[in-house]
Amino acid sequence: MQRTKVVYNNAFDVISGNARSQAAVMVLPPGESEGGKVNGHKGADQWLYVAAGRGVATIDGKKHKLGRGTLLLIEHGEVHEIHNDGSHPLKTLNFYVPPAYNSDEDELPAGKS
């Protein structure tokens, strides 16, 4: 059993995980983006929950509005970018199955944990 307090600091932070899954928080200031044309986790699905703020997720070229309470599944390999188009920080809680990042928060190769 693990218990972790969710704290939204600036940027991206892996906050908990095990060999099968991983949790991270992300904070994007207004006008900022994360991801892009090469961001498509090769070996992990990503669940993204919007805790605060608003934005736009572009997944495989299609735009999806994000707002507080939105839960989005980004499947492994889908190229994606998250953009804060609001006037307040966009705060998300993300789950990766299997883990997508190592302890240095570098993306793992496909299928490796």
N, C-alpha and C. Protein backbone atom coordinates (compact mmCIF):
# COMPACT_ATOMS: atom_id res chain seq x y z
N MET A 1 0.84 -1.17 0.00
CA MET A 1 0.00 0.00 0.00
C MET A 1 0.89 1.24 0.00
N GLN A 2 0.52 2.20 -0.81
CA GLN A 2 1.21 3.49 -0.82
C GLN A 2 0.18 4.59 -0.62
N ARG A 3 0.60 5.64 0.04
CA ARG A 3 -0.26 6.80 0.23
C ARG A 3 0.57 8.03 -0.08
N THR A 4 0.04 8.90 -0.92
CA THR A 4 0.77 10.08 -1.35
C THR A 4 -0.15 11.28 -1.33
N LYS A 5 0.34 12.38 -0.84
CA LYS A 5 -0.42 13.63 -0.88
C LYS A 5 -0.20 14.27 -2.25
N VAL A 6 -1.29 14.65 -2.90
CA VAL A 6 -1.20 15.29 -4.21
C VAL A 6 -0.98 16.78 -4.00
N VAL A 7 0.19 17.25 -4.42
CA VAL A 7 0.55 18.66 -4.30
C VAL A 7 0.92 19.15 -5.70
N TYR A 8 0.28 20.23 -6.10
CA TYR A 8 0.53 20.78 -7.44
C TYR A 8 1.60 21.85 -7.37
N ASN A 9 2.85 21.42 -7.53
CA ASN A 9 3.96 22.35 -7.65
C ASN A 9 4.07 22.76 -9.10
N ASN A 10 5.03 23.58 -9.44
CA ASN A 10 5.22 23.97 -10.83
C ASN A 10 5.78 22.83 -11.65
N ALA A 11 5.46 22.80 -12.92
CA ALA A 11 5.99 21.86 -13.90
C ALA A 11 5.41 20.46 -13.77
N PHE A 12 6.27 19.43 -13.86
CA PHE A 12 5.87 18.03 -13.90
C PHE A 12 6.60 17.27 -12.81
N ASP A 13 5.86 16.41 -12.09
CA ASP A 13 6.48 15.66 -11.01
C ASP A 13 5.81 14.30 -10.87
N VAL A 14 6.60 13.23 -10.99
CA VAL A 14 6.10 11.89 -10.70
C VAL A 14 5.99 11.79 -9.18
N ILE A 15 4.79 11.49 -8.68
CA ILE A 15 4.57 11.52 -7.24
C ILE A 15 4.46 10.14 -6.59
N SER A 16 4.17 9.10 -7.38
CA SER A 16 4.03 7.78 -6.80
C SER A 16 4.00 6.74 -7.92
N GLY A 17 4.25 5.49 -7.54
CA GLY A 17 4.13 4.43 -8.53
C GLY A 17 4.69 3.12 -8.05
N ASN A 18 4.49 2.10 -8.86
CA ASN A 18 5.07 0.79 -8.62
C ASN A 18 5.44 0.20 -9.98
N ALA A 19 5.66 -1.08 -10.06
CA ALA A 19 6.09 -1.70 -11.32
C ALA A 19 4.99 -1.70 -12.37
N ARG A 20 3.72 -1.49 -11.98
CA ARG A 20 2.61 -1.60 -12.92
C ARG A 20 1.95 -0.28 -13.29
N SER A 21 2.14 0.77 -12.49
CA SER A 21 1.48 2.05 -12.77
C SER A 21 2.25 3.19 -12.11
N GLN A 22 1.84 4.41 -12.47
CA GLN A 22 2.58 5.58 -12.00
C GLN A 22 1.63 6.77 -11.97
N ALA A 23 1.81 7.66 -11.00
CA ALA A 23 1.02 8.89 -10.90
C ALA A 23 1.94 10.09 -10.96
N ALA A 24 1.47 11.15 -11.63
CA ALA A 24 2.25 12.38 -11.75
C ALA A 24 1.31 13.58 -11.75
N VAL A 25 1.83 14.71 -11.32
CA VAL A 25 1.09 15.97 -11.42
C VAL A 25 1.79 16.86 -12.44
N MET A 26 0.99 17.71 -13.09
CA MET A 26 1.54 18.66 -14.05
C MET A 26 0.83 19.98 -13.84
N VAL A 27 1.61 21.06 -13.86
CA VAL A 27 1.07 22.41 -13.78
C VAL A 27 1.61 23.20 -14.96
N LEU A 28 0.67 23.69 -15.79
CA LEU A 28 1.06 24.51 -16.95
C LEU A 28 0.57 25.94 -16.72
N PRO A 29 1.48 26.92 -16.72
CA PRO A 29 1.07 28.31 -16.61
C PRO A 29 0.26 28.74 -17.84
N PRO A 30 -0.52 29.81 -17.74
CA PRO A 30 -1.28 30.29 -18.89
C PRO A 30 -0.39 30.47 -20.13
N GLY A 31 -0.87 29.97 -21.26
CA GLY A 31 -0.15 30.10 -22.52
C GLY A 31 0.89 29.03 -22.78
N GLU A 32 1.21 28.21 -21.78
CA GLU A 32 2.25 27.18 -21.93
C GLU A 32 1.67 25.87 -22.45
N SER A 33 2.56 25.05 -23.06
CA SER A 33 2.19 23.75 -23.60
C SER A 33 3.19 22.70 -23.17
N GLU A 34 2.74 21.44 -23.20
CA GLU A 34 3.59 20.29 -22.90
C GLU A 34 3.31 19.25 -23.97
N GLY A 35 4.36 18.60 -24.45
CA GLY A 35 4.19 17.58 -25.48
C GLY A 35 4.47 18.15 -26.85
N GLY A 36 3.85 17.56 -27.86
CA GLY A 36 4.03 18.02 -29.22
C GLY A 36 4.14 16.87 -30.19
N LYS A 37 4.76 17.12 -31.32
CA LYS A 37 4.80 16.16 -32.43
C LYS A 37 5.54 14.87 -32.12
N VAL A 38 6.37 14.85 -31.10
CA VAL A 38 7.11 13.62 -30.77
C VAL A 38 6.67 13.03 -29.42
N ASN A 39 5.62 13.59 -28.82
CA ASN A 39 5.15 13.11 -27.51
C ASN A 39 4.03 12.09 -27.71
N GLY A 40 4.38 10.83 -27.62
CA GLY A 40 3.40 9.76 -27.75
C GLY A 40 3.90 8.55 -27.00
N HIS A 41 3.72 8.51 -25.71
CA HIS A 41 4.28 7.46 -24.87
C HIS A 41 4.18 6.11 -25.57
N LYS A 42 5.33 5.52 -25.86
CA LYS A 42 5.40 4.31 -26.67
C LYS A 42 4.82 3.10 -25.97
N GLY A 43 4.95 3.03 -24.65
CA GLY A 43 4.53 1.83 -23.97
C GLY A 43 3.50 2.02 -22.89
N ALA A 44 2.94 3.22 -22.73
CA ALA A 44 2.02 3.47 -21.62
C ALA A 44 0.79 4.25 -22.07
N ASP A 45 -0.37 3.85 -21.53
CA ASP A 45 -1.57 4.67 -21.65
C ASP A 45 -1.48 5.76 -20.58
N GLN A 46 -2.05 6.92 -20.87
CA GLN A 46 -2.05 8.04 -19.93
C GLN A 46 -3.48 8.47 -19.65
N TRP A 47 -3.87 8.41 -18.39
CA TRP A 47 -5.13 9.00 -17.96
C TRP A 47 -4.81 10.39 -17.44
N LEU A 48 -5.49 11.42 -17.94
CA LEU A 48 -5.25 12.80 -17.54
C LEU A 48 -6.54 13.34 -16.94
N TYR A 49 -6.47 13.78 -15.67
CA TYR A 49 -7.62 14.37 -14.99
C TYR A 49 -7.32 15.84 -14.71
N VAL A 50 -8.23 16.72 -15.11
CA VAL A 50 -8.04 18.16 -14.90
C VAL A 50 -8.61 18.53 -13.53
N ALA A 51 -7.72 18.93 -12.62
CA ALA A 51 -8.12 19.34 -11.29
C ALA A 51 -8.49 20.82 -11.23
N ALA A 52 -7.85 21.64 -12.07
CA ALA A 52 -8.12 23.08 -12.09
C ALA A 52 -7.65 23.66 -13.42
N GLY A 53 -8.30 24.74 -13.83
CA GLY A 53 -7.91 25.43 -15.05
C GLY A 53 -8.64 24.91 -16.27
N ARG A 54 -8.17 25.39 -17.42
CA ARG A 54 -8.75 24.94 -18.68
C ARG A 54 -7.67 24.90 -19.75
N GLY A 55 -7.95 24.15 -20.80
CA GLY A 55 -6.97 24.04 -21.86
C GLY A 55 -7.51 23.26 -23.04
N VAL A 56 -6.58 22.86 -23.89
CA VAL A 56 -6.90 22.09 -25.08
C VAL A 56 -5.90 20.96 -25.20
N ALA A 57 -6.41 19.75 -25.43
CA ALA A 57 -5.55 18.60 -25.72
C ALA A 57 -5.64 18.34 -27.20
N THR A 58 -4.50 18.26 -27.87
CA THR A 58 -4.47 17.89 -29.28
C THR A 58 -3.92 16.47 -29.33
N ILE A 59 -4.77 15.54 -29.78
CA ILE A 59 -4.41 14.13 -29.82
C ILE A 59 -4.54 13.65 -31.25
N ASP A 60 -3.42 13.21 -31.82
CA ASP A 60 -3.38 12.78 -33.22
C ASP A 60 -4.05 13.81 -34.13
N GLY A 61 -3.78 15.10 -33.86
CA GLY A 61 -4.27 16.19 -34.70
C GLY A 61 -5.66 16.68 -34.39
N LYS A 62 -6.40 16.03 -33.51
CA LYS A 62 -7.76 16.45 -33.18
C LYS A 62 -7.77 17.15 -31.83
N LYS A 63 -8.46 18.30 -31.77
CA LYS A 63 -8.49 19.11 -30.55
C LYS A 63 -9.67 18.71 -29.65
N HIS A 64 -9.38 18.69 -28.31
CA HIS A 64 -10.38 18.36 -27.31
C HIS A 64 -10.28 19.38 -26.19
N LYS A 65 -11.41 20.01 -25.83
CA LYS A 65 -11.42 20.99 -24.75
C LYS A 65 -11.21 20.29 -23.41
N LEU A 66 -10.46 20.96 -22.53
CA LEU A 66 -10.21 20.48 -21.18
C LEU A 66 -10.73 21.51 -20.19
N GLY A 67 -11.42 21.04 -19.18
CA GLY A 67 -11.89 21.90 -18.09
C GLY A 67 -11.90 21.11 -16.80
N ARG A 68 -12.08 21.80 -15.71
CA ARG A 68 -12.09 21.15 -14.40
C ARG A 68 -13.05 19.96 -14.42
N GLY A 69 -12.56 18.80 -13.98
CA GLY A 69 -13.37 17.60 -13.94
C GLY A 69 -13.25 16.71 -15.17
N THR A 70 -12.58 17.17 -16.21
CA THR A 70 -12.41 16.36 -17.42
C THR A 70 -11.46 15.20 -17.14
N LEU A 71 -11.83 14.02 -17.60
CA LEU A 71 -10.97 12.84 -17.54
C LEU A 71 -10.76 12.38 -18.97
N LEU A 72 -9.50 12.25 -19.37
CA LEU A 72 -9.14 11.95 -20.74
C LEU A 72 -8.20 10.76 -20.77
N LEU A 73 -8.46 9.81 -21.65
CA LEU A 73 -7.55 8.69 -21.86
C LEU A 73 -6.77 8.94 -23.14
N ILE A 74 -5.45 8.99 -23.01
CA ILE A 74 -4.54 9.12 -24.15
C ILE A 74 -3.85 7.77 -24.27
N GLU A 75 -4.19 7.03 -25.32
CA GLU A 75 -3.65 5.68 -25.47
C GLU A 75 -2.21 5.71 -25.95
N HIS A 76 -1.45 4.66 -25.56
CA HIS A 76 -0.03 4.63 -25.91
C HIS A 76 0.14 4.80 -27.42
N GLY A 77 1.13 5.59 -27.78
CA GLY A 77 1.41 5.86 -29.18
C GLY A 77 0.66 7.04 -29.76
N GLU A 78 -0.43 7.50 -29.12
CA GLU A 78 -1.15 8.67 -29.65
C GLU A 78 -0.30 9.92 -29.39
N VAL A 79 0.00 10.64 -30.46
CA VAL A 79 0.80 11.86 -30.35
C VAL A 79 -0.09 12.93 -29.74
N HIS A 80 0.43 13.60 -28.70
CA HIS A 80 -0.42 14.55 -27.99
C HIS A 80 0.34 15.76 -27.45
N GLU A 81 -0.43 16.82 -27.29
CA GLU A 81 0.06 18.06 -26.70
C GLU A 81 -1.05 18.61 -25.81
N ILE A 82 -0.67 19.10 -24.65
CA ILE A 82 -1.61 19.74 -23.72
C ILE A 82 -1.24 21.22 -23.66
N HIS A 83 -2.23 22.09 -23.88
CA HIS A 83 -2.00 23.54 -23.92
C HIS A 83 -2.96 24.23 -22.95
N ASN A 84 -2.42 25.15 -22.16
CA ASN A 84 -3.24 25.96 -21.27
C ASN A 84 -3.67 27.21 -22.02
N ASP A 85 -4.96 27.27 -22.37
CA ASP A 85 -5.47 28.45 -23.07
C ASP A 85 -6.28 29.34 -22.13
N GLY A 86 -6.17 29.10 -20.82
CA GLY A 86 -6.88 29.90 -19.83
C GLY A 86 -6.01 30.98 -19.22
N SER A 87 -6.56 31.63 -18.19
CA SER A 87 -5.84 32.72 -17.51
C SER A 87 -5.31 32.30 -16.14
N HIS A 88 -5.50 31.03 -15.78
CA HIS A 88 -5.01 30.48 -14.52
C HIS A 88 -4.22 29.22 -14.81
N PRO A 89 -3.39 28.75 -13.88
CA PRO A 89 -2.64 27.51 -14.11
C PRO A 89 -3.57 26.33 -14.41
N LEU A 90 -3.16 25.49 -15.33
CA LEU A 90 -3.84 24.24 -15.65
C LEU A 90 -3.16 23.16 -14.83
N LYS A 91 -3.93 22.51 -13.92
CA LYS A 91 -3.37 21.51 -13.01
C LYS A 91 -3.99 20.16 -13.35
N THR A 92 -3.13 19.18 -13.63
CA THR A 92 -3.63 17.85 -13.98
C THR A 92 -2.98 16.78 -13.11
N LEU A 93 -3.75 15.73 -12.88
CA LEU A 93 -3.27 14.52 -12.23
C LEU A 93 -3.26 13.46 -13.31
N ASN A 94 -2.12 12.80 -13.49
CA ASN A 94 -1.93 11.86 -14.60
C ASN A 94 -1.55 10.48 -14.08
N PHE A 95 -2.12 9.47 -14.70
CA PHE A 95 -1.79 8.09 -14.37
C PHE A 95 -1.26 7.41 -15.62
N TYR A 96 -0.16 6.70 -15.49
CA TYR A 96 0.48 6.00 -16.61
C TYR A 96 0.46 4.50 -16.31
N VAL A 97 -0.04 3.72 -17.27
CA VAL A 97 -0.12 2.27 -17.13
C VAL A 97 0.43 1.62 -18.39
N PRO A 98 1.56 0.91 -18.32
CA PRO A 98 2.50 0.81 -17.21
C PRO A 98 3.26 2.14 -17.04
N PRO A 99 4.19 2.23 -16.09
CA PRO A 99 4.92 3.48 -15.88
C PRO A 99 5.56 4.00 -17.18
N ALA A 100 5.57 5.31 -17.31
CA ALA A 100 6.13 5.94 -18.50
C ALA A 100 7.46 6.64 -18.25
N TYR A 101 7.82 6.86 -16.98
CA TYR A 101 9.02 7.62 -16.65
C TYR A 101 9.87 6.87 -15.63
N ASN A 102 11.20 7.07 -15.73
CA ASN A 102 12.10 6.50 -14.72
C ASN A 102 12.24 7.49 -13.56
N SER A 103 13.09 7.19 -12.61
CA SER A 103 13.23 8.04 -11.42
C SER A 103 13.76 9.43 -11.73
N ASP A 104 14.41 9.60 -12.88
CA ASP A 104 14.90 10.92 -13.30
C ASP A 104 13.87 11.66 -14.13
N GLU A 105 12.65 11.08 -14.26
CA GLU A 105 11.55 11.62 -15.06
C GLU A 105 11.89 11.68 -16.54
N ASP A 106 12.78 10.78 -16.98
CA ASP A 106 13.04 10.58 -18.40
C ASP A 106 12.06 9.53 -18.90
N GLU A 107 11.51 9.72 -20.11
CA GLU A 107 10.56 8.76 -20.63
C GLU A 107 11.21 7.39 -20.84
N LEU A 108 10.50 6.35 -20.46
CA LEU A 108 11.00 5.00 -20.64
C LEU A 108 10.77 4.53 -22.07
N PRO A 109 11.65 3.63 -22.56
CA PRO A 109 11.41 3.05 -23.89
C PRO A 109 10.13 2.21 -23.88
N ALA A 110 9.57 1.94 -25.02
CA ALA A 110 8.33 1.17 -25.13
C ALA A 110 8.44 -0.16 -24.39
N GLY A 111 7.44 -0.42 -23.56
CA GLY A 111 7.35 -1.71 -22.90
C GLY A 111 8.34 -1.96 -21.79
N LYS A 112 9.11 -0.97 -21.38
CA LYS A 112 10.10 -1.16 -20.32
C LYS A 112 9.59 -0.52 -19.04
N SER A 113 9.86 -1.17 -17.92
CA SER A 113 9.47 -0.57 -16.63
C SER A 113 10.62 -0.74 -15.64
